[in-house]
Amino acid sequence: YIHFDARKSIGVSKKIDMQMKAFN
């Protein structure tokens, strides 16, 4: 899962965590 410094945003960071959980 590749992103470009997207965790600066709290909302985007939460979404990445949820997507990673679903993928894994």
PDBML (XML) file of the C-alpha atoms, coordinates in Angstrom:
<?xml version="1.0" encoding="UTF-8" ?>
<PDBx:datablock datablockName="MODEL"
   xmlns:PDBx="http://pdbml.pdb.org/schema/pdbx-v50.xsd"
   xmlns:xsi="http://www.w3.org/2001/XMLSchema-instance"
   xsi:schemaLocation="http://pdbml.pdb.org/schema/pdbx-v50.xsd pdbx-v50.xsd">
   <PDBx:atom_siteCategory>
      <PDBx:atom_site id="1">
         <PDBx:B_iso_or_equiv>0.00</PDBx:B_iso_or_equiv>
         <PDBx:Cartn_x>0.000</PDBx:Cartn_x>
         <PDBx:Cartn_y>0.000</PDBx:Cartn_y>
         <PDBx:Cartn_z>0.000</PDBx:Cartn_z>
         <PDBx:auth_asym_id>A</PDBx:auth_asym_id>
         <PDBx:auth_atom_id>CA</PDBx:auth_atom_id>
         <PDBx:auth_comp_id>TYR</PDBx:auth_comp_id>
         <PDBx:auth_seq_id>1</PDBx:auth_seq_id>
         <PDBx:group_PDB>ATOM</PDBx:group_PDB>
         <PDBx:label_alt_id xsi:nil="true" />
         <PDBx:label_asym_id>A</PDBx:label_asym_id>
         <PDBx:label_atom_id>CA</PDBx:label_atom_id>
         <PDBx:label_comp_id>TYR</PDBx:label_comp_id>
         <PDBx:label_entity_id>1</PDBx:label_entity_id>
         <PDBx:label_seq_id>1</PDBx:label_seq_id>
         <PDBx:occupancy>1.00</PDBx:occupancy>
         <PDBx:pdbx_PDB_model_num>1</PDBx:pdbx_PDB_model_num>
         <PDBx:type_symbol>C</PDBx:type_symbol>
      </PDBx:atom_site>
      <PDBx:atom_site id="2">
         <PDBx:B_iso_or_equiv>0.00</PDBx:B_iso_or_equiv>
         <PDBx:Cartn_x>1.830</PDBx:Cartn_x>
         <PDBx:Cartn_y>3.088</PDBx:Cartn_y>
         <PDBx:Cartn_z>-1.265</PDBx:Cartn_z>
         <PDBx:auth_asym_id>A</PDBx:auth_asym_id>
         <PDBx:auth_atom_id>CA</PDBx:auth_atom_id>
         <PDBx:auth_comp_id>ILE</PDBx:auth_comp_id>
         <PDBx:auth_seq_id>2</PDBx:auth_seq_id>
         <PDBx:group_PDB>ATOM</PDBx:group_PDB>
         <PDBx:label_alt_id xsi:nil="true" />
         <PDBx:label_asym_id>A</PDBx:label_asym_id>
         <PDBx:label_atom_id>CA</PDBx:label_atom_id>
         <PDBx:label_comp_id>ILE</PDBx:label_comp_id>
         <PDBx:label_entity_id>1</PDBx:label_entity_id>
         <PDBx:label_seq_id>2</PDBx:label_seq_id>
         <PDBx:occupancy>1.00</PDBx:occupancy>
         <PDBx:pdbx_PDB_model_num>1</PDBx:pdbx_PDB_model_num>
         <PDBx:type_symbol>C</PDBx:type_symbol>
      </PDBx:atom_site>
      <PDBx:atom_site id="3">
         <PDBx:B_iso_or_equiv>0.00</PDBx:B_iso_or_equiv>
         <PDBx:Cartn_x>0.993</PDBx:Cartn_x>
         <PDBx:Cartn_y>6.684</PDBx:Cartn_y>
         <PDBx:Cartn_z>-0.419</PDBx:Cartn_z>
         <PDBx:auth_asym_id>A</PDBx:auth_asym_id>
         <PDBx:auth_atom_id>CA</PDBx:auth_atom_id>
         <PDBx:auth_comp_id>HIS</PDBx:auth_comp_id>
         <PDBx:auth_seq_id>3</PDBx:auth_seq_id>
         <PDBx:group_PDB>ATOM</PDBx:group_PDB>
         <PDBx:label_alt_id xsi:nil="true" />
         <PDBx:label_asym_id>A</PDBx:label_asym_id>
         <PDBx:label_atom_id>CA</PDBx:label_atom_id>
         <PDBx:label_comp_id>HIS</PDBx:label_comp_id>
         <PDBx:label_entity_id>1</PDBx:label_entity_id>
         <PDBx:label_seq_id>3</PDBx:label_seq_id>
         <PDBx:occupancy>1.00</PDBx:occupancy>
         <PDBx:pdbx_PDB_model_num>1</PDBx:pdbx_PDB_model_num>
         <PDBx:type_symbol>C</PDBx:type_symbol>
      </PDBx:atom_site>
      <PDBx:atom_site id="4">
         <PDBx:B_iso_or_equiv>0.00</PDBx:B_iso_or_equiv>
         <PDBx:Cartn_x>2.790</PDBx:Cartn_x>
         <PDBx:Cartn_y>9.997</PDBx:Cartn_y>
         <PDBx:Cartn_z>-0.582</PDBx:Cartn_z>
         <PDBx:auth_asym_id>A</PDBx:auth_asym_id>
         <PDBx:auth_atom_id>CA</PDBx:auth_atom_id>
         <PDBx:auth_comp_id>PHE</PDBx:auth_comp_id>
         <PDBx:auth_seq_id>4</PDBx:auth_seq_id>
         <PDBx:group_PDB>ATOM</PDBx:group_PDB>
         <PDBx:label_alt_id xsi:nil="true" />
         <PDBx:label_asym_id>A</PDBx:label_asym_id>
         <PDBx:label_atom_id>CA</PDBx:label_atom_id>
         <PDBx:label_comp_id>PHE</PDBx:label_comp_id>
         <PDBx:label_entity_id>1</PDBx:label_entity_id>
         <PDBx:label_seq_id>4</PDBx:label_seq_id>
         <PDBx:occupancy>1.00</PDBx:occupancy>
         <PDBx:pdbx_PDB_model_num>1</PDBx:pdbx_PDB_model_num>
         <PDBx:type_symbol>C</PDBx:type_symbol>
      </PDBx:atom_site>
      <PDBx:atom_site id="5">
         <PDBx:B_iso_or_equiv>0.00</PDBx:B_iso_or_equiv>
         <PDBx:Cartn_x>3.040</PDBx:Cartn_x>
         <PDBx:Cartn_y>11.367</PDBx:Cartn_y>
         <PDBx:Cartn_z>2.957</PDBx:Cartn_z>
         <PDBx:auth_asym_id>A</PDBx:auth_asym_id>
         <PDBx:auth_atom_id>CA</PDBx:auth_atom_id>
         <PDBx:auth_comp_id>ASP</PDBx:auth_comp_id>
         <PDBx:auth_seq_id>5</PDBx:auth_seq_id>
         <PDBx:group_PDB>ATOM</PDBx:group_PDB>
         <PDBx:label_alt_id xsi:nil="true" />
         <PDBx:label_asym_id>A</PDBx:label_asym_id>
         <PDBx:label_atom_id>CA</PDBx:label_atom_id>
         <PDBx:label_comp_id>ASP</PDBx:label_comp_id>
         <PDBx:label_entity_id>1</PDBx:label_entity_id>
         <PDBx:label_seq_id>5</PDBx:label_seq_id>
         <PDBx:occupancy>1.00</PDBx:occupancy>
         <PDBx:pdbx_PDB_model_num>1</PDBx:pdbx_PDB_model_num>
         <PDBx:type_symbol>C</PDBx:type_symbol>
      </PDBx:atom_site>
      <PDBx:atom_site id="6">
         <PDBx:B_iso_or_equiv>0.00</PDBx:B_iso_or_equiv>
         <PDBx:Cartn_x>-0.744</PDBx:Cartn_x>
         <PDBx:Cartn_y>11.047</PDBx:Cartn_y>
         <PDBx:Cartn_z>3.283</PDBx:Cartn_z>
         <PDBx:auth_asym_id>A</PDBx:auth_asym_id>
         <PDBx:auth_atom_id>CA</PDBx:auth_atom_id>
         <PDBx:auth_comp_id>ALA</PDBx:auth_comp_id>
         <PDBx:auth_seq_id>6</PDBx:auth_seq_id>
         <PDBx:group_PDB>ATOM</PDBx:group_PDB>
         <PDBx:label_alt_id xsi:nil="true" />
         <PDBx:label_asym_id>A</PDBx:label_asym_id>
         <PDBx:label_atom_id>CA</PDBx:label_atom_id>
         <PDBx:label_comp_id>ALA</PDBx:label_comp_id>
         <PDBx:label_entity_id>1</PDBx:label_entity_id>
         <PDBx:label_seq_id>6</PDBx:label_seq_id>
         <PDBx:occupancy>1.00</PDBx:occupancy>
         <PDBx:pdbx_PDB_model_num>1</PDBx:pdbx_PDB_model_num>
         <PDBx:type_symbol>C</PDBx:type_symbol>
      </PDBx:atom_site>
      <PDBx:atom_site id="7">
         <PDBx:B_iso_or_equiv>0.00</PDBx:B_iso_or_equiv>
         <PDBx:Cartn_x>-0.718</PDBx:Cartn_x>
         <PDBx:Cartn_y>10.490</PDBx:Cartn_y>
         <PDBx:Cartn_z>7.051</PDBx:Cartn_z>
         <PDBx:auth_asym_id>A</PDBx:auth_asym_id>
         <PDBx:auth_atom_id>CA</PDBx:auth_atom_id>
         <PDBx:auth_comp_id>ARG</PDBx:auth_comp_id>
         <PDBx:auth_seq_id>7</PDBx:auth_seq_id>
         <PDBx:group_PDB>ATOM</PDBx:group_PDB>
         <PDBx:label_alt_id xsi:nil="true" />
         <PDBx:label_asym_id>A</PDBx:label_asym_id>
         <PDBx:label_atom_id>CA</PDBx:label_atom_id>
         <PDBx:label_comp_id>ARG</PDBx:label_comp_id>
         <PDBx:label_entity_id>1</PDBx:label_entity_id>
         <PDBx:label_seq_id>7</PDBx:label_seq_id>
         <PDBx:occupancy>1.00</PDBx:occupancy>
         <PDBx:pdbx_PDB_model_num>1</PDBx:pdbx_PDB_model_num>
         <PDBx:type_symbol>C</PDBx:type_symbol>
      </PDBx:atom_site>
      <PDBx:atom_site id="8">
         <PDBx:B_iso_or_equiv>0.00</PDBx:B_iso_or_equiv>
         <PDBx:Cartn_x>-0.382</PDBx:Cartn_x>
         <PDBx:Cartn_y>14.228</PDBx:Cartn_y>
         <PDBx:Cartn_z>7.631</PDBx:Cartn_z>
         <PDBx:auth_asym_id>A</PDBx:auth_asym_id>
         <PDBx:auth_atom_id>CA</PDBx:auth_atom_id>
         <PDBx:auth_comp_id>LYS</PDBx:auth_comp_id>
         <PDBx:auth_seq_id>8</PDBx:auth_seq_id>
         <PDBx:group_PDB>ATOM</PDBx:group_PDB>
         <PDBx:label_alt_id xsi:nil="true" />
         <PDBx:label_asym_id>A</PDBx:label_asym_id>
         <PDBx:label_atom_id>CA</PDBx:label_atom_id>
         <PDBx:label_comp_id>LYS</PDBx:label_comp_id>
         <PDBx:label_entity_id>1</PDBx:label_entity_id>
         <PDBx:label_seq_id>8</PDBx:label_seq_id>
         <PDBx:occupancy>1.00</PDBx:occupancy>
         <PDBx:pdbx_PDB_model_num>1</PDBx:pdbx_PDB_model_num>
         <PDBx:type_symbol>C</PDBx:type_symbol>
      </PDBx:atom_site>
      <PDBx:atom_site id="9">
         <PDBx:B_iso_or_equiv>0.00</PDBx:B_iso_or_equiv>
         <PDBx:Cartn_x>-4.180</PDBx:Cartn_x>
         <PDBx:Cartn_y>14.263</PDBx:Cartn_y>
         <PDBx:Cartn_z>7.501</PDBx:Cartn_z>
         <PDBx:auth_asym_id>A</PDBx:auth_asym_id>
         <PDBx:auth_atom_id>CA</PDBx:auth_atom_id>
         <PDBx:auth_comp_id>SER</PDBx:auth_comp_id>
         <PDBx:auth_seq_id>9</PDBx:auth_seq_id>
         <PDBx:group_PDB>ATOM</PDBx:group_PDB>
         <PDBx:label_alt_id xsi:nil="true" />
         <PDBx:label_asym_id>A</PDBx:label_asym_id>
         <PDBx:label_atom_id>CA</PDBx:label_atom_id>
         <PDBx:label_comp_id>SER</PDBx:label_comp_id>
         <PDBx:label_entity_id>1</PDBx:label_entity_id>
         <PDBx:label_seq_id>9</PDBx:label_seq_id>
         <PDBx:occupancy>1.00</PDBx:occupancy>
         <PDBx:pdbx_PDB_model_num>1</PDBx:pdbx_PDB_model_num>
         <PDBx:type_symbol>C</PDBx:type_symbol>
      </PDBx:atom_site>
      <PDBx:atom_site id="10">
         <PDBx:B_iso_or_equiv>0.00</PDBx:B_iso_or_equiv>
         <PDBx:Cartn_x>-5.922</PDBx:Cartn_x>
         <PDBx:Cartn_y>12.617</PDBx:Cartn_y>
         <PDBx:Cartn_z>10.496</PDBx:Cartn_z>
         <PDBx:auth_asym_id>A</PDBx:auth_asym_id>
         <PDBx:auth_atom_id>CA</PDBx:auth_atom_id>
         <PDBx:auth_comp_id>ILE</PDBx:auth_comp_id>
         <PDBx:auth_seq_id>10</PDBx:auth_seq_id>
         <PDBx:group_PDB>ATOM</PDBx:group_PDB>
         <PDBx:label_alt_id xsi:nil="true" />
         <PDBx:label_asym_id>A</PDBx:label_asym_id>
         <PDBx:label_atom_id>CA</PDBx:label_atom_id>
         <PDBx:label_comp_id>ILE</PDBx:label_comp_id>
         <PDBx:label_entity_id>1</PDBx:label_entity_id>
         <PDBx:label_seq_id>10</PDBx:label_seq_id>
         <PDBx:occupancy>1.00</PDBx:occupancy>
         <PDBx:pdbx_PDB_model_num>1</PDBx:pdbx_PDB_model_num>
         <PDBx:type_symbol>C</PDBx:type_symbol>
      </PDBx:atom_site>
      <PDBx:atom_site id="11">
         <PDBx:B_iso_or_equiv>0.00</PDBx:B_iso_or_equiv>
         <PDBx:Cartn_x>-8.900</PDBx:Cartn_x>
         <PDBx:Cartn_y>11.638</PDBx:Cartn_y>
         <PDBx:Cartn_z>8.343</PDBx:Cartn_z>
         <PDBx:auth_asym_id>A</PDBx:auth_asym_id>
         <PDBx:auth_atom_id>CA</PDBx:auth_atom_id>
         <PDBx:auth_comp_id>GLY</PDBx:auth_comp_id>
         <PDBx:auth_seq_id>11</PDBx:auth_seq_id>
         <PDBx:group_PDB>ATOM</PDBx:group_PDB>
         <PDBx:label_alt_id xsi:nil="true" />
         <PDBx:label_asym_id>A</PDBx:label_asym_id>
         <PDBx:label_atom_id>CA</PDBx:label_atom_id>
         <PDBx:label_comp_id>GLY</PDBx:label_comp_id>
         <PDBx:label_entity_id>1</PDBx:label_entity_id>
         <PDBx:label_seq_id>11</PDBx:label_seq_id>
         <PDBx:occupancy>1.00</PDBx:occupancy>
         <PDBx:pdbx_PDB_model_num>1</PDBx:pdbx_PDB_model_num>
         <PDBx:type_symbol>C</PDBx:type_symbol>
      </PDBx:atom_site>
      <PDBx:atom_site id="12">
         <PDBx:B_iso_or_equiv>0.00</PDBx:B_iso_or_equiv>
         <PDBx:Cartn_x>-6.763</PDBx:Cartn_x>
         <PDBx:Cartn_y>10.091</PDBx:Cartn_y>
         <PDBx:Cartn_z>5.602</PDBx:Cartn_z>
         <PDBx:auth_asym_id>A</PDBx:auth_asym_id>
         <PDBx:auth_atom_id>CA</PDBx:auth_atom_id>
         <PDBx:auth_comp_id>VAL</PDBx:auth_comp_id>
         <PDBx:auth_seq_id>12</PDBx:auth_seq_id>
         <PDBx:group_PDB>ATOM</PDBx:group_PDB>
         <PDBx:label_alt_id xsi:nil="true" />
         <PDBx:label_asym_id>A</PDBx:label_asym_id>
         <PDBx:label_atom_id>CA</PDBx:label_atom_id>
         <PDBx:label_comp_id>VAL</PDBx:label_comp_id>
         <PDBx:label_entity_id>1</PDBx:label_entity_id>
         <PDBx:label_seq_id>12</PDBx:label_seq_id>
         <PDBx:occupancy>1.00</PDBx:occupancy>
         <PDBx:pdbx_PDB_model_num>1</PDBx:pdbx_PDB_model_num>
         <PDBx:type_symbol>C</PDBx:type_symbol>
      </PDBx:atom_site>
      <PDBx:atom_site id="13">
         <PDBx:B_iso_or_equiv>0.00</PDBx:B_iso_or_equiv>
         <PDBx:Cartn_x>-4.624</PDBx:Cartn_x>
         <PDBx:Cartn_y>8.320</PDBx:Cartn_y>
         <PDBx:Cartn_z>8.183</PDBx:Cartn_z>
         <PDBx:auth_asym_id>A</PDBx:auth_asym_id>
         <PDBx:auth_atom_id>CA</PDBx:auth_atom_id>
         <PDBx:auth_comp_id>SER</PDBx:auth_comp_id>
         <PDBx:auth_seq_id>13</PDBx:auth_seq_id>
         <PDBx:group_PDB>ATOM</PDBx:group_PDB>
         <PDBx:label_alt_id xsi:nil="true" />
         <PDBx:label_asym_id>A</PDBx:label_asym_id>
         <PDBx:label_atom_id>CA</PDBx:label_atom_id>
         <PDBx:label_comp_id>SER</PDBx:label_comp_id>
         <PDBx:label_entity_id>1</PDBx:label_entity_id>
         <PDBx:label_seq_id>13</PDBx:label_seq_id>
         <PDBx:occupancy>1.00</PDBx:occupancy>
         <PDBx:pdbx_PDB_model_num>1</PDBx:pdbx_PDB_model_num>
         <PDBx:type_symbol>C</PDBx:type_symbol>
      </PDBx:atom_site>
      <PDBx:atom_site id="14">
         <PDBx:B_iso_or_equiv>0.00</PDBx:B_iso_or_equiv>
         <PDBx:Cartn_x>-7.755</PDBx:Cartn_x>
         <PDBx:Cartn_y>6.692</PDBx:Cartn_y>
         <PDBx:Cartn_z>9.663</PDBx:Cartn_z>
         <PDBx:auth_asym_id>A</PDBx:auth_asym_id>
         <PDBx:auth_atom_id>CA</PDBx:auth_atom_id>
         <PDBx:auth_comp_id>LYS</PDBx:auth_comp_id>
         <PDBx:auth_seq_id>14</PDBx:auth_seq_id>
         <PDBx:group_PDB>ATOM</PDBx:group_PDB>
         <PDBx:label_alt_id xsi:nil="true" />
         <PDBx:label_asym_id>A</PDBx:label_asym_id>
         <PDBx:label_atom_id>CA</PDBx:label_atom_id>
         <PDBx:label_comp_id>LYS</PDBx:label_comp_id>
         <PDBx:label_entity_id>1</PDBx:label_entity_id>
         <PDBx:label_seq_id>14</PDBx:label_seq_id>
         <PDBx:occupancy>1.00</PDBx:occupancy>
         <PDBx:pdbx_PDB_model_num>1</PDBx:pdbx_PDB_model_num>
         <PDBx:type_symbol>C</PDBx:type_symbol>
      </PDBx:atom_site>
      <PDBx:atom_site id="15">
         <PDBx:B_iso_or_equiv>0.00</PDBx:B_iso_or_equiv>
         <PDBx:Cartn_x>-8.830</PDBx:Cartn_x>
         <PDBx:Cartn_y>5.608</PDBx:Cartn_y>
         <PDBx:Cartn_z>6.191</PDBx:Cartn_z>
         <PDBx:auth_asym_id>A</PDBx:auth_asym_id>
         <PDBx:auth_atom_id>CA</PDBx:auth_atom_id>
         <PDBx:auth_comp_id>LYS</PDBx:auth_comp_id>
         <PDBx:auth_seq_id>15</PDBx:auth_seq_id>
         <PDBx:group_PDB>ATOM</PDBx:group_PDB>
         <PDBx:label_alt_id xsi:nil="true" />
         <PDBx:label_asym_id>A</PDBx:label_asym_id>
         <PDBx:label_atom_id>CA</PDBx:label_atom_id>
         <PDBx:label_comp_id>LYS</PDBx:label_comp_id>
         <PDBx:label_entity_id>1</PDBx:label_entity_id>
         <PDBx:label_seq_id>15</PDBx:label_seq_id>
         <PDBx:occupancy>1.00</PDBx:occupancy>
         <PDBx:pdbx_PDB_model_num>1</PDBx:pdbx_PDB_model_num>
         <PDBx:type_symbol>C</PDBx:type_symbol>
      </PDBx:atom_site>
      <PDBx:atom_site id="16">
         <PDBx:B_iso_or_equiv>0.00</PDBx:B_iso_or_equiv>
         <PDBx:Cartn_x>-5.432</PDBx:Cartn_x>
         <PDBx:Cartn_y>4.069</PDBx:Cartn_y>
         <PDBx:Cartn_z>5.430</PDBx:Cartn_z>
         <PDBx:auth_asym_id>A</PDBx:auth_asym_id>
         <PDBx:auth_atom_id>CA</PDBx:auth_atom_id>
         <PDBx:auth_comp_id>ILE</PDBx:auth_comp_id>
         <PDBx:auth_seq_id>16</PDBx:auth_seq_id>
         <PDBx:group_PDB>ATOM</PDBx:group_PDB>
         <PDBx:label_alt_id xsi:nil="true" />
         <PDBx:label_asym_id>A</PDBx:label_asym_id>
         <PDBx:label_atom_id>CA</PDBx:label_atom_id>
         <PDBx:label_comp_id>ILE</PDBx:label_comp_id>
         <PDBx:label_entity_id>1</PDBx:label_entity_id>
         <PDBx:label_seq_id>16</PDBx:label_seq_id>
         <PDBx:occupancy>1.00</PDBx:occupancy>
         <PDBx:pdbx_PDB_model_num>1</PDBx:pdbx_PDB_model_num>
         <PDBx:type_symbol>C</PDBx:type_symbol>
      </PDBx:atom_site>
      <PDBx:atom_site id="17">
         <PDBx:B_iso_or_equiv>0.00</PDBx:B_iso_or_equiv>
         <PDBx:Cartn_x>-5.629</PDBx:Cartn_x>
         <PDBx:Cartn_y>2.086</PDBx:Cartn_y>
         <PDBx:Cartn_z>8.681</PDBx:Cartn_z>
         <PDBx:auth_asym_id>A</PDBx:auth_asym_id>
         <PDBx:auth_atom_id>CA</PDBx:auth_atom_id>
         <PDBx:auth_comp_id>ASP</PDBx:auth_comp_id>
         <PDBx:auth_seq_id>17</PDBx:auth_seq_id>
         <PDBx:group_PDB>ATOM</PDBx:group_PDB>
         <PDBx:label_alt_id xsi:nil="true" />
         <PDBx:label_asym_id>A</PDBx:label_asym_id>
         <PDBx:label_atom_id>CA</PDBx:label_atom_id>
         <PDBx:label_comp_id>ASP</PDBx:label_comp_id>
         <PDBx:label_entity_id>1</PDBx:label_entity_id>
         <PDBx:label_seq_id>17</PDBx:label_seq_id>
         <PDBx:occupancy>1.00</PDBx:occupancy>
         <PDBx:pdbx_PDB_model_num>1</PDBx:pdbx_PDB_model_num>
         <PDBx:type_symbol>C</PDBx:type_symbol>
      </PDBx:atom_site>
      <PDBx:atom_site id="18">
         <PDBx:B_iso_or_equiv>0.00</PDBx:B_iso_or_equiv>
         <PDBx:Cartn_x>-9.097</PDBx:Cartn_x>
         <PDBx:Cartn_y>0.788</PDBx:Cartn_y>
         <PDBx:Cartn_z>7.770</PDBx:Cartn_z>
         <PDBx:auth_asym_id>A</PDBx:auth_asym_id>
         <PDBx:auth_atom_id>CA</PDBx:auth_atom_id>
         <PDBx:auth_comp_id>MET</PDBx:auth_comp_id>
         <PDBx:auth_seq_id>18</PDBx:auth_seq_id>
         <PDBx:group_PDB>ATOM</PDBx:group_PDB>
         <PDBx:label_alt_id xsi:nil="true" />
         <PDBx:label_asym_id>A</PDBx:label_asym_id>
         <PDBx:label_atom_id>CA</PDBx:label_atom_id>
         <PDBx:label_comp_id>MET</PDBx:label_comp_id>
         <PDBx:label_entity_id>1</PDBx:label_entity_id>
         <PDBx:label_seq_id>18</PDBx:label_seq_id>
         <PDBx:occupancy>1.00</PDBx:occupancy>
         <PDBx:pdbx_PDB_model_num>1</PDBx:pdbx_PDB_model_num>
         <PDBx:type_symbol>C</PDBx:type_symbol>
      </PDBx:atom_site>
      <PDBx:atom_site id="19">
         <PDBx:B_iso_or_equiv>0.00</PDBx:B_iso_or_equiv>
         <PDBx:Cartn_x>-8.042</PDBx:Cartn_x>
         <PDBx:Cartn_y>-0.166</PDBx:Cartn_y>
         <PDBx:Cartn_z>4.241</PDBx:Cartn_z>
         <PDBx:auth_asym_id>A</PDBx:auth_asym_id>
         <PDBx:auth_atom_id>CA</PDBx:auth_atom_id>
         <PDBx:auth_comp_id>GLN</PDBx:auth_comp_id>
         <PDBx:auth_seq_id>19</PDBx:auth_seq_id>
         <PDBx:group_PDB>ATOM</PDBx:group_PDB>
         <PDBx:label_alt_id xsi:nil="true" />
         <PDBx:label_asym_id>A</PDBx:label_asym_id>
         <PDBx:label_atom_id>CA</PDBx:label_atom_id>
         <PDBx:label_comp_id>GLN</PDBx:label_comp_id>
         <PDBx:label_entity_id>1</PDBx:label_entity_id>
         <PDBx:label_seq_id>19</PDBx:label_seq_id>
         <PDBx:occupancy>1.00</PDBx:occupancy>
         <PDBx:pdbx_PDB_model_num>1</PDBx:pdbx_PDB_model_num>
         <PDBx:type_symbol>C</PDBx:type_symbol>
      </PDBx:atom_site>
      <PDBx:atom_site id="20">
         <PDBx:B_iso_or_equiv>0.00</PDBx:B_iso_or_equiv>
         <PDBx:Cartn_x>-4.901</PDBx:Cartn_x>
         <PDBx:Cartn_y>-1.889</PDBx:Cartn_y>
         <PDBx:Cartn_z>5.496</PDBx:Cartn_z>
         <PDBx:auth_asym_id>A</PDBx:auth_asym_id>
         <PDBx:auth_atom_id>CA</PDBx:auth_atom_id>
         <PDBx:auth_comp_id>MET</PDBx:auth_comp_id>
         <PDBx:auth_seq_id>20</PDBx:auth_seq_id>
         <PDBx:group_PDB>ATOM</PDBx:group_PDB>
         <PDBx:label_alt_id xsi:nil="true" />
         <PDBx:label_asym_id>A</PDBx:label_asym_id>
         <PDBx:label_atom_id>CA</PDBx:label_atom_id>
         <PDBx:label_comp_id>MET</PDBx:label_comp_id>
         <PDBx:label_entity_id>1</PDBx:label_entity_id>
         <PDBx:label_seq_id>20</PDBx:label_seq_id>
         <PDBx:occupancy>1.00</PDBx:occupancy>
         <PDBx:pdbx_PDB_model_num>1</PDBx:pdbx_PDB_model_num>
         <PDBx:type_symbol>C</PDBx:type_symbol>
      </PDBx:atom_site>
      <PDBx:atom_site id="21">
         <PDBx:B_iso_or_equiv>0.00</PDBx:B_iso_or_equiv>
         <PDBx:Cartn_x>-6.993</PDBx:Cartn_x>
         <PDBx:Cartn_y>-3.871</PDBx:Cartn_y>
         <PDBx:Cartn_z>7.963</PDBx:Cartn_z>
         <PDBx:auth_asym_id>A</PDBx:auth_asym_id>
         <PDBx:auth_atom_id>CA</PDBx:auth_atom_id>
         <PDBx:auth_comp_id>LYS</PDBx:auth_comp_id>
         <PDBx:auth_seq_id>21</PDBx:auth_seq_id>
         <PDBx:group_PDB>ATOM</PDBx:group_PDB>
         <PDBx:label_alt_id xsi:nil="true" />
         <PDBx:label_asym_id>A</PDBx:label_asym_id>
         <PDBx:label_atom_id>CA</PDBx:label_atom_id>
         <PDBx:label_comp_id>LYS</PDBx:label_comp_id>
         <PDBx:label_entity_id>1</PDBx:label_entity_id>
         <PDBx:label_seq_id>21</PDBx:label_seq_id>
         <PDBx:occupancy>1.00</PDBx:occupancy>
         <PDBx:pdbx_PDB_model_num>1</PDBx:pdbx_PDB_model_num>
         <PDBx:type_symbol>C</PDBx:type_symbol>
      </PDBx:atom_site>
      <PDBx:atom_site id="22">
         <PDBx:B_iso_or_equiv>0.00</PDBx:B_iso_or_equiv>
         <PDBx:Cartn_x>-9.358</PDBx:Cartn_x>
         <PDBx:Cartn_y>-4.990</PDBx:Cartn_y>
         <PDBx:Cartn_z>5.179</PDBx:Cartn_z>
         <PDBx:auth_asym_id>A</PDBx:auth_asym_id>
         <PDBx:auth_atom_id>CA</PDBx:auth_atom_id>
         <PDBx:auth_comp_id>ALA</PDBx:auth_comp_id>
         <PDBx:auth_seq_id>22</PDBx:auth_seq_id>
         <PDBx:group_PDB>ATOM</PDBx:group_PDB>
         <PDBx:label_alt_id xsi:nil="true" />
         <PDBx:label_asym_id>A</PDBx:label_asym_id>
         <PDBx:label_atom_id>CA</PDBx:label_atom_id>
         <PDBx:label_comp_id>ALA</PDBx:label_comp_id>
         <PDBx:label_entity_id>1</PDBx:label_entity_id>
         <PDBx:label_seq_id>22</PDBx:label_seq_id>
         <PDBx:occupancy>1.00</PDBx:occupancy>
         <PDBx:pdbx_PDB_model_num>1</PDBx:pdbx_PDB_model_num>
         <PDBx:type_symbol>C</PDBx:type_symbol>
      </PDBx:atom_site>
      <PDBx:atom_site id="23">
         <PDBx:B_iso_or_equiv>0.00</PDBx:B_iso_or_equiv>
         <PDBx:Cartn_x>-6.469</PDBx:Cartn_x>
         <PDBx:Cartn_y>-5.928</PDBx:Cartn_y>
         <PDBx:Cartn_z>2.881</PDBx:Cartn_z>
         <PDBx:auth_asym_id>A</PDBx:auth_asym_id>
         <PDBx:auth_atom_id>CA</PDBx:auth_atom_id>
         <PDBx:auth_comp_id>PHE</PDBx:auth_comp_id>
         <PDBx:auth_seq_id>23</PDBx:auth_seq_id>
         <PDBx:group_PDB>ATOM</PDBx:group_PDB>
         <PDBx:label_alt_id xsi:nil="true" />
         <PDBx:label_asym_id>A</PDBx:label_asym_id>
         <PDBx:label_atom_id>CA</PDBx:label_atom_id>
         <PDBx:label_comp_id>PHE</PDBx:label_comp_id>
         <PDBx:label_entity_id>1</PDBx:label_entity_id>
         <PDBx:label_seq_id>23</PDBx:label_seq_id>
         <PDBx:occupancy>1.00</PDBx:occupancy>
         <PDBx:pdbx_PDB_model_num>1</PDBx:pdbx_PDB_model_num>
         <PDBx:type_symbol>C</PDBx:type_symbol>
      </PDBx:atom_site>
      <PDBx:atom_site id="24">
         <PDBx:B_iso_or_equiv>0.00</PDBx:B_iso_or_equiv>
         <PDBx:Cartn_x>-4.639</PDBx:Cartn_x>
         <PDBx:Cartn_y>-7.894</PDBx:Cartn_y>
         <PDBx:Cartn_z>5.546</PDBx:Cartn_z>
         <PDBx:auth_asym_id>A</PDBx:auth_asym_id>
         <PDBx:auth_atom_id>CA</PDBx:auth_atom_id>
         <PDBx:auth_comp_id>ASN</PDBx:auth_comp_id>
         <PDBx:auth_seq_id>24</PDBx:auth_seq_id>
         <PDBx:group_PDB>ATOM</PDBx:group_PDB>
         <PDBx:label_alt_id xsi:nil="true" />
         <PDBx:label_asym_id>A</PDBx:label_asym_id>
         <PDBx:label_atom_id>CA</PDBx:label_atom_id>
         <PDBx:label_comp_id>ASN</PDBx:label_comp_id>
         <PDBx:label_entity_id>1</PDBx:label_entity_id>
         <PDBx:label_seq_id>24</PDBx:label_seq_id>
         <PDBx:occupancy>1.00</PDBx:occupancy>
         <PDBx:pdbx_PDB_model_num>1</PDBx:pdbx_PDB_model_num>
         <PDBx:type_symbol>C</PDBx:type_symbol>
      </PDBx:atom_site>
   </PDBx:atom_siteCategory>
</PDBx:datablock>
